């Protein structure tokens, strides 16, 4: 929630690493507008919008995605 009321300490427009912005339009915890804002402001972000998902609506898929990212980092 603090991300909505305080500066993050960096400008997302300065991000130079690959970023994936993924959000569900049915999210009731983080407004979809936040994902839309990130998609517009993070340079070259890969944006995935799920019109049928909410906040962590498929936890097993999220865990598998994170594990895949860690493996890709050599972890």
N, C-alpha and C. Protein backbone atom coordinates (compact mmCIF):
# COMPACT_ATOMS: atom_id res chain seq x y z
N UNK A 1 0.81 -1.20 0.00
CA UNK A 1 0.00 0.00 0.00
C UNK A 1 0.85 1.26 0.00
N UNK A 2 2.04 1.18 0.59
CA UNK A 2 2.89 2.37 0.64
C UNK A 2 3.34 2.81 -0.75
N UNK A 3 3.34 1.90 -1.70
CA UNK A 3 3.72 2.27 -3.07
C UNK A 3 2.79 3.31 -3.66
N UNK A 4 1.61 3.41 -3.11
CA UNK A 4 0.65 4.39 -3.62
C UNK A 4 0.84 5.77 -3.01
N UNK A 5 1.53 5.87 -1.88
CA UNK A 5 1.58 7.14 -1.16
C UNK A 5 2.98 7.71 -0.95
N UNK A 6 4.00 6.95 -1.29
CA UNK A 6 5.37 7.42 -1.10
C UNK A 6 6.19 7.17 -2.36
N UNK A 7 7.19 8.02 -2.59
CA UNK A 7 8.12 7.74 -3.70
C UNK A 7 8.84 6.41 -3.47
N UNK A 8 9.20 5.74 -4.54
CA UNK A 8 9.85 4.44 -4.44
C UNK A 8 11.35 4.53 -4.25
N UNK A 9 11.92 5.71 -4.42
CA UNK A 9 13.36 5.87 -4.28
C UNK A 9 14.10 5.71 -5.59
N UNK A 10 13.38 5.51 -6.68
CA UNK A 10 13.97 5.44 -8.01
C UNK A 10 12.88 5.77 -9.02
N UNK A 11 13.30 6.12 -10.22
CA UNK A 11 12.36 6.44 -11.29
C UNK A 11 12.23 5.21 -12.19
N UNK A 12 11.02 4.68 -12.32
CA UNK A 12 10.84 3.47 -13.13
C UNK A 12 11.25 3.69 -14.59
N UNK A 13 11.26 4.93 -15.05
CA UNK A 13 11.68 5.23 -16.42
C UNK A 13 13.17 4.97 -16.63
N UNK A 14 13.92 4.81 -15.53
CA UNK A 14 15.36 4.55 -15.62
C UNK A 14 15.70 3.05 -15.61
N UNK A 15 14.71 2.20 -15.51
CA UNK A 15 14.96 0.75 -15.48
C UNK A 15 15.51 0.31 -16.83
N UNK A 16 16.60 -0.43 -16.81
CA UNK A 16 17.25 -0.88 -18.05
C UNK A 16 17.36 -2.40 -18.16
N UNK A 17 16.78 -3.11 -17.23
CA UNK A 17 16.79 -4.57 -17.28
C UNK A 17 15.43 -5.05 -17.77
N UNK A 18 15.35 -6.27 -18.28
CA UNK A 18 14.05 -6.77 -18.75
C UNK A 18 13.03 -6.82 -17.61
N UNK A 19 11.83 -6.35 -17.89
CA UNK A 19 10.76 -6.31 -16.90
C UNK A 19 9.49 -6.86 -17.52
N UNK A 20 8.79 -7.66 -16.74
CA UNK A 20 7.48 -8.13 -17.15
C UNK A 20 6.46 -7.54 -16.19
N UNK A 21 5.50 -6.81 -16.73
CA UNK A 21 4.40 -6.28 -15.94
C UNK A 21 3.21 -7.18 -16.20
N UNK A 22 2.76 -7.84 -15.15
CA UNK A 22 1.67 -8.81 -15.28
C UNK A 22 0.61 -8.46 -14.25
N UNK A 23 -0.63 -8.34 -14.71
CA UNK A 23 -1.70 -8.04 -13.76
C UNK A 23 -3.03 -8.57 -14.27
N UNK A 24 -3.94 -8.77 -13.33
CA UNK A 24 -5.28 -9.22 -13.66
C UNK A 24 -6.27 -8.08 -13.50
N UNK A 25 -7.18 -7.98 -14.41
CA UNK A 25 -8.15 -6.89 -14.35
C UNK A 25 -9.16 -7.07 -13.23
N UNK A 26 -9.24 -8.27 -12.66
CA UNK A 26 -10.16 -8.52 -11.56
C UNK A 26 -9.51 -8.39 -10.19
N UNK A 27 -8.30 -7.84 -10.13
CA UNK A 27 -7.58 -7.69 -8.86
C UNK A 27 -8.29 -6.67 -7.98
N UNK A 28 -8.62 -7.06 -6.76
CA UNK A 28 -9.27 -6.13 -5.84
C UNK A 28 -8.29 -5.57 -4.81
N UNK A 29 -7.05 -6.07 -4.78
CA UNK A 29 -6.04 -5.55 -3.85
C UNK A 29 -5.15 -4.49 -4.48
N UNK A 30 -4.75 -4.72 -5.71
CA UNK A 30 -3.93 -3.76 -6.45
C UNK A 30 -4.73 -3.36 -7.68
N UNK A 31 -5.13 -2.10 -7.77
CA UNK A 31 -5.97 -1.69 -8.89
C UNK A 31 -5.29 -1.92 -10.24
N UNK A 32 -6.02 -2.40 -11.23
CA UNK A 32 -5.44 -2.59 -12.56
C UNK A 32 -4.79 -1.32 -13.10
N UNK A 33 -5.27 -0.17 -12.67
CA UNK A 33 -4.66 1.08 -13.11
C UNK A 33 -3.20 1.19 -12.74
N UNK A 34 -2.80 0.52 -11.67
CA UNK A 34 -1.39 0.52 -11.27
C UNK A 34 -0.56 -0.24 -12.32
N UNK A 35 -1.05 -1.39 -12.74
CA UNK A 35 -0.36 -2.15 -13.79
C UNK A 35 -0.32 -1.38 -15.10
N UNK A 36 -1.41 -0.69 -15.41
CA UNK A 36 -1.46 0.12 -16.63
C UNK A 36 -0.42 1.23 -16.57
N UNK A 37 -0.30 1.86 -15.40
CA UNK A 37 0.69 2.93 -15.22
C UNK A 37 2.10 2.38 -15.41
N UNK A 38 2.40 1.24 -14.77
CA UNK A 38 3.72 0.64 -14.92
C UNK A 38 4.00 0.30 -16.38
N UNK A 39 3.01 -0.25 -17.05
CA UNK A 39 3.18 -0.62 -18.46
C UNK A 39 3.54 0.60 -19.31
N UNK A 40 2.98 1.74 -18.98
CA UNK A 40 3.28 2.97 -19.73
C UNK A 40 4.63 3.58 -19.36
N UNK A 41 5.11 3.35 -18.15
CA UNK A 41 6.28 4.08 -17.67
C UNK A 41 7.57 3.27 -17.57
N UNK A 42 7.49 1.95 -17.58
CA UNK A 42 8.71 1.13 -17.55
C UNK A 42 9.14 0.87 -18.99
N UNK A 43 10.31 1.36 -19.37
CA UNK A 43 10.75 1.21 -20.76
C UNK A 43 10.82 -0.25 -21.21
N UNK A 44 10.27 -0.51 -22.37
CA UNK A 44 10.34 -1.82 -23.00
C UNK A 44 9.79 -2.96 -22.16
N UNK A 45 8.89 -2.66 -21.25
CA UNK A 45 8.31 -3.72 -20.42
C UNK A 45 7.45 -4.64 -21.27
N UNK A 46 7.52 -5.91 -20.97
CA UNK A 46 6.62 -6.88 -21.58
C UNK A 46 5.37 -6.89 -20.70
N UNK A 47 4.23 -6.61 -21.29
CA UNK A 47 2.99 -6.46 -20.52
C UNK A 47 2.05 -7.63 -20.81
N UNK A 48 1.59 -8.26 -19.73
CA UNK A 48 0.64 -9.36 -19.84
C UNK A 48 -0.56 -9.01 -18.96
N UNK A 49 -1.71 -8.87 -19.60
CA UNK A 49 -2.94 -8.55 -18.88
C UNK A 49 -3.86 -9.77 -18.95
N UNK A 50 -4.32 -10.22 -17.80
CA UNK A 50 -5.24 -11.36 -17.74
C UNK A 50 -6.62 -10.83 -17.34
N UNK A 51 -7.53 -10.86 -18.29
CA UNK A 51 -8.88 -10.34 -18.05
C UNK A 51 -9.71 -11.22 -17.12
N UNK A 52 -9.18 -12.39 -16.75
CA UNK A 52 -9.94 -13.32 -15.91
C UNK A 52 -9.29 -13.54 -14.55
N UNK A 53 -8.18 -12.84 -14.27
CA UNK A 53 -7.44 -13.09 -13.03
C UNK A 53 -7.63 -11.96 -12.03
N UNK A 54 -7.41 -12.33 -10.78
CA UNK A 54 -7.39 -11.37 -9.69
C UNK A 54 -6.00 -11.36 -9.09
N UNK A 55 -5.91 -11.02 -7.82
CA UNK A 55 -4.63 -10.95 -7.13
C UNK A 55 -4.17 -12.36 -6.76
N UNK A 56 -3.08 -12.81 -7.36
CA UNK A 56 -2.55 -14.16 -7.12
C UNK A 56 -3.64 -15.22 -7.22
N UNK A 57 -4.45 -15.12 -8.26
CA UNK A 57 -5.58 -16.04 -8.40
C UNK A 57 -5.14 -17.47 -8.72
N UNK A 58 -3.91 -17.64 -9.20
CA UNK A 58 -3.39 -18.97 -9.47
C UNK A 58 -2.01 -19.10 -8.81
N UNK A 59 -1.97 -19.30 -7.50
CA UNK A 59 -0.68 -19.29 -6.78
C UNK A 59 0.31 -20.33 -7.29
N UNK A 60 -0.15 -21.49 -7.71
CA UNK A 60 0.78 -22.51 -8.21
C UNK A 60 1.48 -22.04 -9.49
N UNK A 61 0.75 -21.36 -10.35
CA UNK A 61 1.36 -20.82 -11.58
C UNK A 61 2.37 -19.74 -11.24
N UNK A 62 2.05 -18.89 -10.28
CA UNK A 62 2.98 -17.84 -9.88
C UNK A 62 4.26 -18.43 -9.30
N UNK A 63 4.13 -19.44 -8.47
CA UNK A 63 5.30 -20.09 -7.90
C UNK A 63 6.16 -20.71 -9.00
N UNK A 64 5.55 -21.38 -9.95
CA UNK A 64 6.29 -21.99 -11.06
C UNK A 64 7.02 -20.92 -11.87
N UNK A 65 6.37 -19.77 -12.10
CA UNK A 65 6.99 -18.67 -12.83
C UNK A 65 8.21 -18.14 -12.09
N UNK A 66 8.07 -17.95 -10.78
CA UNK A 66 9.20 -17.46 -9.98
C UNK A 66 10.34 -18.45 -9.97
N UNK A 67 10.03 -19.74 -9.85
CA UNK A 67 11.07 -20.76 -9.87
C UNK A 67 11.81 -20.75 -11.20
N UNK A 68 11.07 -20.56 -12.28
CA UNK A 68 11.68 -20.49 -13.60
C UNK A 68 12.63 -19.30 -13.71
N UNK A 69 12.21 -18.17 -13.14
CA UNK A 69 13.09 -16.99 -13.17
C UNK A 69 14.36 -17.24 -12.39
N UNK A 70 14.24 -17.87 -11.23
CA UNK A 70 15.42 -18.16 -10.41
C UNK A 70 16.36 -19.11 -11.16
N UNK A 71 15.82 -20.13 -11.79
CA UNK A 71 16.64 -21.06 -12.56
C UNK A 71 17.37 -20.32 -13.68
N UNK A 72 16.68 -19.37 -14.30
CA UNK A 72 17.29 -18.59 -15.37
C UNK A 72 18.45 -17.72 -14.90
N UNK A 73 18.46 -17.43 -13.60
CA UNK A 73 19.54 -16.64 -13.02
C UNK A 73 20.69 -17.52 -12.52
N UNK A 74 20.53 -18.82 -12.72
CA UNK A 74 21.57 -19.74 -12.27
C UNK A 74 21.39 -20.22 -10.86
N UNK A 75 20.20 -19.95 -10.27
CA UNK A 75 19.97 -20.31 -8.87
C UNK A 75 19.33 -21.64 -8.69
